[in-house]
Amino acid sequence: MLKQTVKAVLPKSITNQYFELRGKIRLQKVPVRTFDARNLRSFSSVDLSRGFSDPEIAKAWDEDHRAISTLYREGELNMGVNPGDRRAIYSLVMSLRPQRVLEIGTHIGTSAIYIAAALKRLQQGGKLTTIDIFDVNDPKQGAWQRVGLPIGPTGCAKDLGFAEQIEFRRGSSQDYMKTAQERYDLIFLDGDHDAWAVYEELSLALPLLQRDGTILLHDFYPDGKPVRSNGSAIGGPFRALARVRKEKPTIQVLPLGTLPWQTQRGSNTTTLALVLKGS
């Protein structure tokens, strides 16, 4: 609630500086956590170019994106995952073929819908559990209303035929991961971007992975710097992973970098990154 209040009363540049400083200080106070990388997919086993250039995945994307765009629109949605990142996430799911996916940070449901579309397309009975601290379907306060979507994420999933692929949950991501019995092939961390929160969430996410599981990050800015000449940067995820790698050097980060398609503001760069296991 504090973050929402601050964002409402302060300019964006000042807000970002405030939360960056607060997150940096809080990260320094977090005790050393355990990072069990045994089940992480190995760095050497990932071939991004293959998944991003596969003609069958491209054909599936065209069909599913056309249907989803009737509700989520073709272009950029304020506060939503940009079109290029949607395609990257969809393509990753199609190429990695996970059975169980966990998403931290539902928001307006953009990435959840595309993950569900890929899971349904794979026809393996895959399921996504997506968690948010807020009620993402709230008819009065839901973020979906502020961006002009006709219905909330649950309604969108139902109308698009993905209701069986998605389980929506409300609550603390850390509380959920501390008690979760399910194990996941892919975990997408896109919730609280403060450095301390990403550090804690990664520690909790790793034990929930199936063997050769993968963790995907959003808003990972290498060196904490903007990836676009006309953009800004969120430093939390980078700062958190810098500490994690210092404490657990076998954990590596693979930024997706430049995609074969446009993301936003006329750029092809993305802030998506994979967390993998090195040698």
C-alpha atoms as a PDB file:
ATOM      1  CA  MET A   1       0.000   0.000   0.000  1.00  0.00           C
ATOM      2  CA  LEU A   2       2.871   2.382   0.779  1.00  0.00           C
ATOM      3  CA  LYS A   3       4.297   1.922  -2.713  1.00  0.00           C
ATOM      4  CA  GLN A   4       0.964   2.746  -4.337  1.00  0.00           C
ATOM      5  CA  THR A   5       0.578   5.875  -2.188  1.00  0.00           C
ATOM      6  CA  VAL A   6       4.069   7.149  -2.973  1.00  0.00           C
ATOM      7  CA  LYS A   7       3.563   6.567  -6.694  1.00  0.00           C
ATOM      8  CA  ALA A   8       0.332   8.553  -6.570  1.00  0.00           C
ATOM      9  CA  VAL A   9       1.853  11.684  -5.034  1.00  0.00           C
ATOM     10  CA  LEU A  10       5.440  11.882  -6.335  1.00  0.00           C
ATOM     11  CA  PRO A  11       6.884  12.267  -9.868  1.00  0.00           C
ATOM     12  CA  LYS A  12       8.024   8.974 -11.433  1.00  0.00           C
ATOM     13  CA  SER A  13      11.720   9.917 -11.414  1.00  0.00           C
ATOM     14  CA  ILE A  14      11.672  10.719  -7.697  1.00  0.00           C
ATOM     15  CA  THR A  15       9.550   7.657  -6.942  1.00  0.00           C
ATOM     16  CA  ASN A  16      12.055   5.373  -8.707  1.00  0.00           C
ATOM     17  CA  GLN A  17      14.998   6.907  -6.839  1.00  0.00           C
ATOM     18  CA  TYR A  18      13.206   6.522  -3.515  1.00  0.00           C
ATOM     19  CA  PHE A  19      12.394   2.859  -3.999  1.00  0.00           C
ATOM     20  CA  GLU A  20      15.818   2.066  -5.454  1.00  0.00           C
ATOM     21  CA  LEU A  21      17.496   3.514  -2.362  1.00  0.00           C
ATOM     22  CA  ARG A  22      15.047   1.837   0.000  1.00  0.00           C
ATOM     23  CA  GLY A  23      15.516  -1.529  -1.730  1.00  0.00           C
ATOM     24  CA  LYS A  24      19.307  -1.236  -1.677  1.00  0.00           C
ATOM     25  CA  ILE A  25      19.359  -0.493   2.060  1.00  0.00           C
ATOM     26  CA  ARG A  26      16.920  -3.287   2.836  1.00  0.00           C
ATOM     27  CA  LEU A  27      18.889  -5.795   0.761  1.00  0.00           C
ATOM     28  CA  GLN A  28      21.968  -5.093   2.878  1.00  0.00           C
ATOM     29  CA  LYS A  29      19.982  -6.027   5.983  1.00  0.00           C
ATOM     30  CA  VAL A  30      18.683  -9.360   4.670  1.00  0.00           C
ATOM     31  CA  PRO A  31      20.608 -12.318   6.156  1.00  0.00           C
ATOM     32  CA  VAL A  32      22.422 -14.662   3.786  1.00  0.00           C
ATOM     33  CA  ARG A  33      19.951 -17.117   2.298  1.00  0.00           C
ATOM     34  CA  THR A  34      20.427 -20.564   0.783  1.00  0.00           C
ATOM     35  CA  PHE A  35      20.386 -20.869  -3.013  1.00  0.00           C
ATOM     36  CA  ASP A  36      20.009 -24.504  -3.980  1.00  0.00           C
ATOM     37  CA  ALA A  37      20.801 -24.629  -7.695  1.00  0.00           C
ATOM     38  CA  ARG A  38      20.773 -28.412  -8.094  1.00  0.00           C
ATOM     39  CA  ASN A  39      17.531 -28.518 -10.107  1.00  0.00           C
ATOM     40  CA  LEU A  40      18.256 -25.502 -12.298  1.00  0.00           C
ATOM     41  CA  ARG A  41      18.540 -26.037 -16.033  1.00  0.00           C
ATOM     42  CA  SER A  42      22.162 -25.809 -17.154  1.00  0.00           C
ATOM     43  CA  PHE A  43      23.401 -22.783 -19.062  1.00  0.00           C
ATOM     44  CA  SER A  44      24.848 -24.952 -21.820  1.00  0.00           C
ATOM     45  CA  SER A  45      21.493 -26.647 -22.531  1.00  0.00           C
ATOM     46  CA  VAL A  46      19.652 -23.467 -23.552  1.00  0.00           C
ATOM     47  CA  ASP A  47      19.396 -22.483 -27.215  1.00  0.00           C
ATOM     48  CA  LEU A  48      17.289 -19.344 -27.426  1.00  0.00           C
ATOM     49  CA  SER A  49      17.754 -18.871 -31.156  1.00  0.00           C
ATOM     50  CA  ARG A  50      16.156 -22.224 -31.894  1.00  0.00           C
ATOM     51  CA  GLY A  51      12.979 -21.448 -29.987  1.00  0.00           C
ATOM     52  CA  PHE A  52      12.734 -17.926 -31.356  1.00  0.00           C
ATOM     53  CA  SER A  53      13.165 -18.997 -34.989  1.00  0.00           C
ATOM     54  CA  ASP A  54      11.057 -22.177 -35.025  1.00  0.00           C
ATOM     55  CA  PRO A  55       8.453 -21.786 -37.825  1.00  0.00           C
ATOM     56  CA  GLU A  56       5.926 -24.010 -36.031  1.00  0.00           C
ATOM     57  CA  ILE A  57       6.119 -21.848 -32.890  1.00  0.00           C
ATOM     58  CA  ALA A  58       5.782 -18.730 -35.059  1.00  0.00           C
ATOM     59  CA  LYS A  59       2.667 -20.141 -36.716  1.00  0.00           C
ATOM     60  CA  ALA A  60       1.142 -21.047 -33.331  1.00  0.00           C
ATOM     61  CA  TRP A  61       1.958 -17.552 -32.039  1.00  0.00           C
ATOM     62  CA  ASP A  62       0.211 -15.890 -34.969  1.00  0.00           C
ATOM     63  CA  GLU A  63      -2.972 -17.850 -34.314  1.00  0.00           C
ATOM     64  CA  ASP A  64      -3.036 -17.430 -30.540  1.00  0.00           C
ATOM     65  CA  HIS A  65      -1.932 -13.790 -30.592  1.00  0.00           C
ATOM     66  CA  ARG A  66      -4.697 -12.935 -33.049  1.00  0.00           C
ATOM     67  CA  ALA A  67      -7.301 -14.368 -30.670  1.00  0.00           C
ATOM     68  CA  ILE A  68      -5.824 -12.843 -27.508  1.00  0.00           C
ATOM     69  CA  SER A  69      -5.515  -9.406 -29.121  1.00  0.00           C
ATOM     70  CA  THR A  70      -9.296  -9.160 -29.315  1.00  0.00           C
ATOM     71  CA  LEU A  71      -9.155  -8.498 -25.554  1.00  0.00           C
ATOM     72  CA  TYR A  72      -5.559  -7.454 -24.809  1.00  0.00           C
ATOM     73  CA  ARG A  73      -5.038  -5.404 -27.978  1.00  0.00           C
ATOM     74  CA  GLU A  74      -2.109  -5.494 -30.395  1.00  0.00           C
ATOM     75  CA  GLY A  75      -0.019  -2.628 -29.050  1.00  0.00           C
ATOM     76  CA  GLU A  76       1.508  -1.694 -25.729  1.00  0.00           C
ATOM     77  CA  LEU A  77      -0.624  -1.617 -22.599  1.00  0.00           C
ATOM     78  CA  ASN A  78       0.418   0.758 -19.860  1.00  0.00           C
ATOM     79  CA  MET A  79       1.629  -1.356 -16.918  1.00  0.00           C
ATOM     80  CA  GLY A  80       1.345  -4.528 -18.998  1.00  0.00           C
ATOM     81  CA  VAL A  81       4.000  -6.769 -20.564  1.00  0.00           C
ATOM     82  CA  ASN A  82       4.928  -5.287 -23.942  1.00  0.00           C
ATOM     83  CA  PRO A  83       4.059  -7.159 -27.193  1.00  0.00           C
ATOM     84  CA  GLY A  84       7.610  -8.344 -27.878  1.00  0.00           C
ATOM     85  CA  ASP A  85       8.032  -9.733 -24.377  1.00  0.00           C
ATOM     86  CA  ARG A  86       4.686 -11.502 -24.687  1.00  0.00           C
ATOM     87  CA  ARG A  87       5.970 -13.293 -27.763  1.00  0.00           C
ATOM     88  CA  ALA A  88       9.269 -14.144 -26.064  1.00  0.00           C
ATOM     89  CA  ILE A  89       7.473 -15.623 -23.040  1.00  0.00           C
ATOM     90  CA  TYR A  90       5.099 -17.576 -25.283  1.00  0.00           C
ATOM     91  CA  SER A  91       8.006 -18.885 -27.376  1.00  0.00           C
ATOM     92  CA  LEU A  92       9.967 -19.904 -24.272  1.00  0.00           C
ATOM     93  CA  VAL A  93       7.025 -21.915 -22.961  1.00  0.00           C
ATOM     94  CA  MET A  94       6.554 -23.552 -26.349  1.00  0.00           C
ATOM     95  CA  SER A  95      10.236 -24.500 -26.596  1.00  0.00           C
ATOM     96  CA  LEU A  96      10.831 -25.489 -22.942  1.00  0.00           C
ATOM     97  CA  ARG A  97       7.497 -27.402 -22.795  1.00  0.00           C
ATOM     98  CA  PRO A  98       6.853 -27.096 -19.035  1.00  0.00           C
ATOM     99  CA  GLN A  99       4.057 -29.004 -17.323  1.00  0.00           C
ATOM    100  CA  ARG A 100       3.695 -26.724 -14.314  1.00  0.00           C
ATOM    101  CA  VAL A 101       4.385 -22.984 -14.311  1.00  0.00           C
ATOM    102  CA  LEU A 102       4.382 -20.523 -11.412  1.00  0.00           C
ATOM    103  CA  GLU A 103       4.062 -16.791 -12.028  1.00  0.00           C
ATOM    104  CA  ILE A 104       4.744 -14.226  -9.307  1.00  0.00           C
ATOM    105  CA  GLY A 105       2.918 -10.995 -10.144  1.00  0.00           C
ATOM    106  CA  THR A 106      -0.318 -11.371 -12.137  1.00  0.00           C
ATOM    107  CA  HIS A 107      -1.178  -7.666 -12.487  1.00  0.00           C
ATOM    108  CA  ILE A 108      -3.490  -7.308 -15.519  1.00  0.00           C
ATOM    109  CA  GLY A 109      -2.838 -10.884 -16.593  1.00  0.00           C
ATOM    110  CA  THR A 110      -1.061 -10.241 -19.897  1.00  0.00           C
ATOM    111  CA  SER A 111       1.791 -12.707 -19.448  1.00  0.00           C
ATOM    112  CA  ALA A 112      -0.494 -15.209 -17.704  1.00  0.00           C
ATOM    113  CA  ILE A 113      -2.808 -15.335 -20.705  1.00  0.00           C
ATOM    114  CA  TYR A 114       0.040 -15.962 -23.152  1.00  0.00           C
ATOM    115  CA  ILE A 115       1.585 -18.620 -20.913  1.00  0.00           C
ATOM    116  CA  ALA A 116      -1.809 -20.332 -20.707  1.00  0.00           C
ATOM    117  CA  ALA A 117      -2.201 -20.134 -24.489  1.00  0.00           C
ATOM    118  CA  ALA A 118       1.139 -21.885 -24.988  1.00  0.00           C
ATOM    119  CA  LEU A 119       0.306 -24.537 -22.388  1.00  0.00           C
ATOM    120  CA  LYS A 120      -3.003 -25.265 -24.082  1.00  0.00           C
ATOM    121  CA  ARG A 121      -1.307 -25.380 -27.478  1.00  0.00           C
ATOM    122  CA  LEU A 122       1.186 -27.991 -26.191  1.00  0.00           C
ATOM    123  CA  GLN A 123      -1.700 -30.306 -25.213  1.00  0.00           C
ATOM    124  CA  GLN A 124       0.197 -31.786 -22.269  1.00  0.00           C
ATOM    125  CA  GLY A 125      -2.276 -30.877 -19.535  1.00  0.00           C
ATOM    126  CA  GLY A 126      -0.012 -28.049 -18.379  1.00  0.00           C
ATOM    127  CA  LYS A 127      -1.178 -25.559 -15.771  1.00  0.00           C
ATOM    128  CA  LEU A 128      -0.164 -22.103 -14.592  1.00  0.00           C
ATOM    129  CA  THR A 129      -0.523 -20.845 -11.028  1.00  0.00           C
ATOM    130  CA  THR A 130      -0.326 -17.049 -10.920  1.00  0.00           C
ATOM    131  CA  ILE A 131      -0.152 -15.065  -7.670  1.00  0.00           C
ATOM    132  CA  ASP A 132      -0.588 -11.404  -6.845  1.00  0.00           C
ATOM    133  CA  ILE A 133      -0.789  -9.523  -3.550  1.00  0.00           C
ATOM    134  CA  PHE A 134      -3.803  -7.593  -4.893  1.00  0.00           C
ATOM    135  CA  ASP A 135      -7.188  -8.777  -6.105  1.00  0.00           C
ATOM    136  CA  VAL A 136      -6.438  -8.575  -9.827  1.00  0.00           C
ATOM    137  CA  ASN A 137     -10.112  -9.058 -10.699  1.00  0.00           C
ATOM    138  CA  ASP A 138     -11.484  -6.326  -8.413  1.00  0.00           C
ATOM    139  CA  PRO A 139     -14.266  -4.549 -10.371  1.00  0.00           C
ATOM    140  CA  LYS A 140     -13.400  -1.172  -8.822  1.00  0.00           C
ATOM    141  CA  GLN A 141      -9.681  -1.204  -7.986  1.00  0.00           C
ATOM    142  CA  GLY A 142      -8.307  -3.756 -10.460  1.00  0.00           C
ATOM    143  CA  ALA A 143      -5.498  -2.479 -12.686  1.00  0.00           C
ATOM    144  CA  TRP A 144      -7.282  -3.957 -15.711  1.00  0.00           C
ATOM    145  CA  GLN A 145      -9.814  -1.122 -15.531  1.00  0.00           C
ATOM    146  CA  ARG A 146      -7.130   1.572 -15.520  1.00  0.00           C
ATOM    147  CA  VAL A 147      -5.684   0.300 -18.810  1.00  0.00           C
ATOM    148  CA  GLY A 148      -9.081   0.016 -20.476  1.00  0.00           C
ATOM    149  CA  LEU A 149      -9.530  -3.752 -20.624  1.00  0.00           C
ATOM    150  CA  PRO A 150     -13.190  -4.835 -20.914  1.00  0.00           C
ATOM    151  CA  ILE A 151     -12.978  -7.468 -18.160  1.00  0.00           C
ATOM    152  CA  GLY A 152     -10.532  -8.718 -15.513  1.00  0.00           C
ATOM    153  CA  PRO A 153      -7.923 -11.472 -15.978  1.00  0.00           C
ATOM    154  CA  THR A 154     -10.229 -14.288 -14.867  1.00  0.00           C
ATOM    155  CA  GLY A 155     -12.922 -13.171 -17.301  1.00  0.00           C
ATOM    156  CA  CYS A 156     -10.372 -12.878 -20.104  1.00  0.00           C
ATOM    157  CA  ALA A 157      -9.083 -16.379 -19.427  1.00  0.00           C
ATOM    158  CA  LYS A 158     -12.613 -17.755 -19.514  1.00  0.00           C
ATOM    159  CA  ASP A 159     -13.613 -15.922 -22.694  1.00  0.00           C
ATOM    160  CA  LEU A 160     -10.428 -17.014 -24.469  1.00  0.00           C
ATOM    161  CA  GLY A 161     -10.832 -20.641 -23.436  1.00  0.00           C
ATOM    162  CA  PHE A 162      -7.915 -20.806 -20.979  1.00  0.00           C
ATOM    163  CA  ALA A 163      -9.813 -21.198 -17.704  1.00  0.00           C
ATOM    164  CA  GLU A 164      -8.565 -24.770 -17.251  1.00  0.00           C
ATOM    165  CA  GLN A 165      -4.947 -23.719 -17.742  1.00  0.00           C
ATOM    166  CA  ILE A 166      -4.835 -20.939 -15.114  1.00  0.00           C
ATOM    167  CA  GLU A 167      -5.289 -20.896 -11.355  1.00  0.00           C
ATOM    168  CA  PHE A 168      -5.482 -17.352  -9.961  1.00  0.00           C
ATOM    169  CA  ARG A 169      -4.382 -16.839  -6.374  1.00  0.00           C
ATOM    170  CA  ARG A 170      -4.293 -13.770  -4.155  1.00  0.00           C
ATOM    171  CA  GLY A 171      -1.676 -13.451  -1.424  1.00  0.00           C
ATOM    172  CA  SER A 172       1.973 -12.994  -0.568  1.00  0.00           C
ATOM    173  CA  SER A 173       4.317 -14.724  -2.996  1.00  0.00           C
ATOM    174  CA  GLN A 174       6.779 -15.489  -0.219  1.00  0.00           C
ATOM    175  CA  ASP A 175       4.093 -16.987   2.006  1.00  0.00           C
ATOM    176  CA  TYR A 176       2.945 -19.171  -0.874  1.00  0.00           C
ATOM    177  CA  MET A 177       6.407 -20.406  -1.802  1.00  0.00           C
ATOM    178  CA  LYS A 178       7.284 -21.193   1.815  1.00  0.00           C
ATOM    179  CA  THR A 179       4.422 -23.707   2.032  1.00  0.00           C
ATOM    180  CA  ALA A 180       3.899 -24.827  -1.575  1.00  0.00           C
ATOM    181  CA  GLN A 181       3.741 -28.575  -2.174  1.00  0.00           C
ATOM    182  CA  GLU A 182       3.689 -28.310  -5.969  1.00  0.00           C
ATOM    183  CA  ARG A 183       6.892 -28.425  -7.995  1.00  0.00           C
ATOM    184  CA  TYR A 184       7.363 -26.354 -11.143  1.00  0.00           C
ATOM    185  CA  ASP A 185       9.232 -26.618 -14.426  1.00  0.00           C
ATOM    186  CA  LEU A 186       9.211 -22.852 -14.968  1.00  0.00           C
ATOM    187  CA  ILE A 187       8.921 -20.001 -12.451  1.00  0.00           C
ATOM    188  CA  PHE A 188       8.414 -16.449 -13.698  1.00  0.00           C
ATOM    189  CA  LEU A 189       9.384 -13.792 -11.136  1.00  0.00           C
ATOM    190  CA  ASP A 190       7.640 -10.538 -12.034  1.00  0.00           C
ATOM    191  CA  GLY A 191       6.264  -9.253  -8.745  1.00  0.00           C
ATOM    192  CA  ASP A 192       7.957  -6.881  -6.327  1.00  0.00           C
ATOM    193  CA  HIS A 193      11.081  -5.573  -8.071  1.00  0.00           C
ATOM    194  CA  ASP A 194      12.834  -4.301  -4.940  1.00  0.00           C
ATOM    195  CA  ALA A 195      16.262  -5.911  -4.620  1.00  0.00           C
ATOM    196  CA  TRP A 196      15.557  -7.490  -1.237  1.00  0.00           C
ATOM    197  CA  ALA A 197      12.298  -9.032  -2.498  1.00  0.00           C
ATOM    198  CA  VAL A 198      13.890 -10.577  -5.611  1.00  0.00           C
ATOM    199  CA  TYR A 199      16.720 -11.944  -3.453  1.00  0.00           C
ATOM    200  CA  GLU A 200      14.228 -13.569  -1.055  1.00  0.00           C
ATOM    201  CA  GLU A 201      11.953 -14.862  -3.818  1.00  0.00           C
ATOM    202  CA  LEU A 202      14.796 -16.512  -5.713  1.00  0.00           C
ATOM    203  CA  SER A 203      15.908 -18.334  -2.582  1.00  0.00           C
ATOM    204  CA  LEU A 204      12.357 -19.618  -2.087  1.00  0.00           C
ATOM    205  CA  ALA A 205      11.781 -20.418  -5.768  1.00  0.00           C
ATOM    206  CA  LEU A 206      14.800 -22.656  -6.316  1.00  0.00           C
ATOM    207  CA  PRO A 207      13.622 -25.518  -4.048  1.00  0.00           C
ATOM    208  CA  LEU A 208      10.271 -25.521  -5.893  1.00  0.00           C
ATOM    209  CA  LEU A 209      11.857 -26.437  -9.220  1.00  0.00           C
ATOM    210  CA  GLN A 210      11.572 -29.791 -10.887  1.00  0.00           C
ATOM    211  CA  ARG A 211      14.813 -31.183 -12.252  1.00  0.00           C
ATOM    212  CA  ASP A 212      16.066 -29.022 -15.163  1.00  0.00           C
ATOM    213  CA  GLY A 213      13.664 -26.287 -14.147  1.00  0.00           C
ATOM    214  CA  THR A 214      14.052 -22.700 -15.264  1.00  0.00           C
ATOM    215  CA  ILE A 215      13.537 -19.325 -13.603  1.00  0.00           C
ATOM    216  CA  LEU A 216      12.592 -16.347 -15.758  1.00  0.00           C
ATOM    217  CA  LEU A 217      13.049 -12.756 -14.580  1.00  0.00           C
ATOM    218  CA  HIS A 218      11.397  -9.602 -15.850  1.00  0.00           C
ATOM    219  CA  ASP A 219      12.881  -6.108 -15.613  1.00  0.00           C
ATOM    220  CA  PHE A 220      16.456  -7.335 -15.355  1.00  0.00           C
ATOM    221  CA  TYR A 221      18.640  -4.452 -16.499  1.00  0.00           C
ATOM    222  CA  PRO A 222      22.286  -5.520 -16.949  1.00  0.00           C
ATOM    223  CA  ASP A 223      24.536  -3.340 -14.769  1.00  0.00           C
ATOM    224  CA  GLY A 224      21.379  -1.601 -13.583  1.00  0.00           C
ATOM    225  CA  LYS A 225      21.410   0.633 -16.683  1.00  0.00           C
ATOM    226  CA  PRO A 226      18.693   1.382 -19.277  1.00  0.00           C
ATOM    227  CA  VAL A 227      18.526  -1.015 -22.215  1.00  0.00           C
ATOM    228  CA  ARG A 228      17.022   1.655 -24.480  1.00  0.00           C
ATOM    229  CA  SER A 229      18.418   5.106 -25.209  1.00  0.00           C
ATOM    230  CA  ASN A 230      15.077   6.721 -24.402  1.00  0.00           C
ATOM    231  CA  GLY A 231      14.286   4.629 -21.330  1.00  0.00           C
ATOM    232  CA  SER A 232      14.983   4.317 -17.629  1.00  0.00           C
ATOM    233  CA  ALA A 233      16.085   1.332 -15.515  1.00  0.00           C
ATOM    234  CA  ILE A 234      14.869  -0.644 -12.521  1.00  0.00           C
ATOM    235  CA  GLY A 235      17.908  -1.710 -10.530  1.00  0.00           C
ATOM    236  CA  GLY A 236      16.383  -4.135  -8.030  1.00  0.00           C
ATOM    237  CA  PRO A 237      16.553  -7.459  -9.933  1.00  0.00           C
ATOM    238  CA  PHE A 238      20.112  -6.804 -11.149  1.00  0.00           C
ATOM    239  CA  ARG A 239      21.275  -5.814  -7.669  1.00  0.00           C
ATOM    240  CA  ALA A 240      19.642  -8.887  -6.136  1.00  0.00           C
ATOM    241  CA  LEU A 241      21.261 -11.255  -8.645  1.00  0.00           C
ATOM    242  CA  ALA A 242      24.637  -9.589  -8.160  1.00  0.00           C
ATOM    243  CA  ARG A 243      24.481 -10.537  -4.493  1.00  0.00           C
ATOM    244  CA  VAL A 244      23.147 -14.025  -5.266  1.00  0.00           C
ATOM    245  CA  ARG A 245      25.983 -14.709  -7.706  1.00  0.00           C
ATOM    246  CA  LYS A 246      28.540 -13.463  -5.210  1.00  0.00           C
ATOM    247  CA  GLU A 247      27.225 -15.948  -2.645  1.00  0.00           C
ATOM    248  CA  LYS A 248      26.495 -18.740  -5.159  1.00  0.00           C
ATOM    249  CA  PRO A 249      28.795 -18.376  -8.203  1.00  0.00           C
ATOM    250  CA  THR A 250      27.312 -21.385 -10.016  1.00  0.00           C
ATOM    251  CA  ILE A 251      24.108 -19.413 -10.607  1.00  0.00           C
ATOM    252  CA  GLN A 252      24.259 -17.488 -13.868  1.00  0.00           C
ATOM    253  CA  VAL A 253      21.992 -14.972 -15.567  1.00  0.00           C
ATOM    254  CA  LEU A 254      21.281 -15.021 -19.296  1.00  0.00           C
ATOM    255  CA  PRO A 255      19.659 -11.757 -20.464  1.00  0.00           C
ATOM    256  CA  LEU A 256      17.573 -12.365 -23.585  1.00  0.00           C
ATOM    257  CA  GLY A 257      18.973  -9.110 -24.957  1.00  0.00           C
ATOM    258  CA  THR A 258      17.844  -8.315 -28.502  1.00  0.00           C
ATOM    259  CA  LEU A 259      14.809 -10.189 -29.808  1.00  0.00           C
ATOM    260  CA  PRO A 260      13.918 -10.947 -33.458  1.00  0.00           C
ATOM    261  CA  TRP A 261      10.830  -8.732 -33.060  1.00  0.00           C
ATOM    262  CA  GLN A 262       9.965  -5.331 -31.659  1.00  0.00           C
ATOM    263  CA  THR A 263       9.322  -4.874 -27.951  1.00  0.00           C
ATOM    264  CA  GLN A 264       8.517  -1.218 -27.210  1.00  0.00           C
ATOM    265  CA  ARG A 265       9.444   2.339 -28.164  1.00  0.00           C
ATOM    266  CA  GLY A 266      10.744   1.171 -31.529  1.00  0.00           C
ATOM    267  CA  SER A 267      13.289  -1.140 -29.895  1.00  0.00           C
ATOM    268  CA  ASN A 268      13.928  -4.886 -30.055  1.00  0.00           C
ATOM    269  CA  THR A 269      15.591  -5.097 -26.638  1.00  0.00           C
ATOM    270  CA  THR A 270      14.029  -6.892 -23.706  1.00  0.00           C
ATOM    271  CA  THR A 271      14.598  -7.009 -19.957  1.00  0.00           C
ATOM    272  CA  LEU A 272      13.675 -10.683 -19.740  1.00  0.00           C
ATOM    273  CA  ALA A 273      16.462 -12.910 -18.412  1.00  0.00           C
ATOM    274  CA  LEU A 274      16.865 -16.567 -17.518  1.00  0.00           C
ATOM    275  CA  VAL A 275      18.412 -17.796 -14.272  1.00  0.00           C
ATOM    276  CA  LEU A 276      20.450 -20.913 -15.021  1.00  0.00           C
ATOM    277  CA  LYS A 277      23.145 -23.155 -13.585  1.00  0.00           C
ATOM    278  CA  GLY A 278      26.713 -22.806 -14.766  1.00  0.00           C
ATOM    279  CA  SER A 279      29.610 -25.209 -14.365  1.00  0.00           C
END
